């Protein structure tokens, strides 16, 4: 039950992010739930590989390059998922920061 509630909260976070950031659009709540699954799969399989490859750059920037990786992965989710659009890198960067803040709050609760 807890997993389902988290899934719903993350879908709501994606919808709120699409309301706040002008370049991110979600067509429906069902698509937002599908986006949560796609982002989870991307974070499980692709993100660790990217973090390993970009480890030297990440060390030089003291971890700030992780924001770029988050934005690129959000753009990838927008490319893969129908009904979810991310229109540019700046929108993806702002959206990934806002989603990270929402995720921090959701995980604390």
Protein backbone atom coordinates (compact mmCIF):
# COMPACT_ATOMS: atom_id res chain seq x y z
CA UNK A 1 0.00 0.00 0.00
CA UNK A 2 2.84 2.35 0.81
CA UNK A 3 4.33 1.90 -2.66
CA UNK A 4 1.03 2.83 -4.31
CA UNK A 5 0.70 5.97 -2.17
CA UNK A 6 4.26 7.01 -3.08
CA UNK A 7 3.48 6.41 -6.73
CA UNK A 8 0.44 8.69 -6.49
CA UNK A 9 2.44 11.36 -4.66
CA UNK A 10 5.17 11.33 -7.31
CA UNK A 11 2.54 11.59 -10.04
CA UNK A 12 1.06 14.61 -8.27
CA UNK A 13 4.57 16.08 -8.00
CA UNK A 14 5.01 15.73 -11.75
CA UNK A 15 1.67 17.45 -12.37
CA UNK A 16 2.59 20.29 -10.00
CA UNK A 17 5.95 20.63 -11.73
CA UNK A 18 4.22 20.87 -15.08
CA UNK A 19 2.06 23.68 -13.69
CA UNK A 20 5.07 25.57 -12.33
CA UNK A 21 7.57 25.13 -15.19
CA UNK A 22 6.33 26.53 -18.53
CA UNK A 23 8.22 24.07 -20.76
CA UNK A 24 6.93 20.85 -19.17
CA UNK A 25 3.51 19.49 -20.09
CA UNK A 26 1.58 16.44 -18.92
CA UNK A 27 -1.65 15.62 -20.70
CA UNK A 28 -3.39 13.66 -17.90
CA UNK A 29 -2.96 12.11 -14.48
CA UNK A 30 -2.69 8.66 -16.02
CA UNK A 31 0.22 9.85 -18.15
CA UNK A 32 1.83 11.31 -15.04
CA UNK A 33 1.61 7.91 -13.38
CA UNK A 34 3.20 6.36 -16.46
CA UNK A 35 5.96 9.02 -16.33
CA UNK A 36 6.72 7.98 -12.74
CA UNK A 37 7.31 4.40 -13.92
CA UNK A 38 9.51 5.53 -16.82
CA UNK A 39 11.57 7.83 -14.59
CA UNK A 40 11.99 5.03 -12.05
CA UNK A 41 13.23 2.68 -14.77
CA UNK A 42 15.60 5.32 -16.15
CA UNK A 43 16.95 6.03 -12.66
CA UNK A 44 17.42 2.33 -12.03
CA UNK A 45 19.17 1.31 -15.23
CA UNK A 46 20.64 4.35 -17.01
CA UNK A 47 21.49 6.80 -14.22
CA UNK A 48 24.15 4.64 -12.47
CA UNK A 49 25.95 4.14 -15.77
CA UNK A 50 25.92 7.88 -16.50
CA UNK A 51 27.10 8.68 -12.97
CA UNK A 52 30.01 6.27 -13.39
CA UNK A 53 31.00 7.63 -16.79
CA UNK A 54 30.81 11.27 -15.66
CA UNK A 55 32.45 10.71 -12.27
CA UNK A 56 35.57 12.81 -13.06
CA UNK A 57 33.46 15.75 -14.25
CA UNK A 58 31.20 15.35 -11.24
CA UNK A 59 34.18 15.45 -8.90
CA UNK A 60 35.58 18.57 -10.58
CA UNK A 61 32.27 20.40 -10.29
CA UNK A 62 31.71 19.18 -6.72
CA UNK A 63 28.56 17.31 -7.69
CA UNK A 64 26.86 20.08 -9.66
CA UNK A 65 27.08 18.05 -12.86
CA UNK A 66 24.46 15.76 -11.31
CA UNK A 67 21.93 18.52 -12.03
CA UNK A 68 22.81 18.28 -15.71
CA UNK A 69 22.43 14.50 -15.61
CA UNK A 70 19.01 14.86 -13.92
CA UNK A 71 17.90 17.33 -16.59
CA UNK A 72 19.07 15.08 -19.42
CA UNK A 73 17.28 12.09 -17.92
CA UNK A 74 14.09 14.13 -17.57
CA UNK A 75 14.40 15.08 -21.23
CA UNK A 76 14.86 11.39 -22.06
CA UNK A 77 11.68 10.58 -20.13
CA UNK A 78 9.90 13.28 -22.11
CA UNK A 79 11.17 11.77 -25.34
CA UNK A 80 10.10 8.23 -24.42
CA UNK A 81 6.75 8.87 -22.75
CA UNK A 82 3.70 9.84 -24.82
CA UNK A 83 1.71 12.67 -23.25
CA UNK A 84 4.74 14.10 -21.42
CA UNK A 85 6.76 16.83 -23.11
CA UNK A 86 9.88 18.67 -22.01
CA UNK A 87 10.64 21.59 -24.31
CA UNK A 88 14.29 22.40 -23.79
CA UNK A 89 17.21 22.05 -21.47
CA UNK A 90 16.40 24.99 -19.21
CA UNK A 91 12.88 23.69 -18.59
CA UNK A 92 14.33 20.25 -17.89
CA UNK A 93 16.90 21.69 -15.49
CA UNK A 94 14.35 23.71 -13.52
CA UNK A 95 11.88 20.82 -13.62
CA UNK A 96 14.44 18.32 -12.37
CA UNK A 97 15.36 20.58 -9.45
CA UNK A 98 11.70 21.04 -8.51
CA UNK A 99 11.03 17.30 -8.85
CA UNK A 100 14.05 16.58 -6.66
CA UNK A 101 12.68 18.91 -3.98
CA UNK A 102 9.28 17.22 -4.19
CA UNK A 103 10.95 13.79 -4.00
CA UNK A 104 12.89 14.89 -0.93
CA UNK A 105 9.66 15.96 0.74
CA UNK A 106 7.83 12.78 -0.25
CA UNK A 107 10.62 10.56 1.04
CA UNK A 108 10.72 12.49 4.36
CA UNK A 109 7.01 11.94 4.91
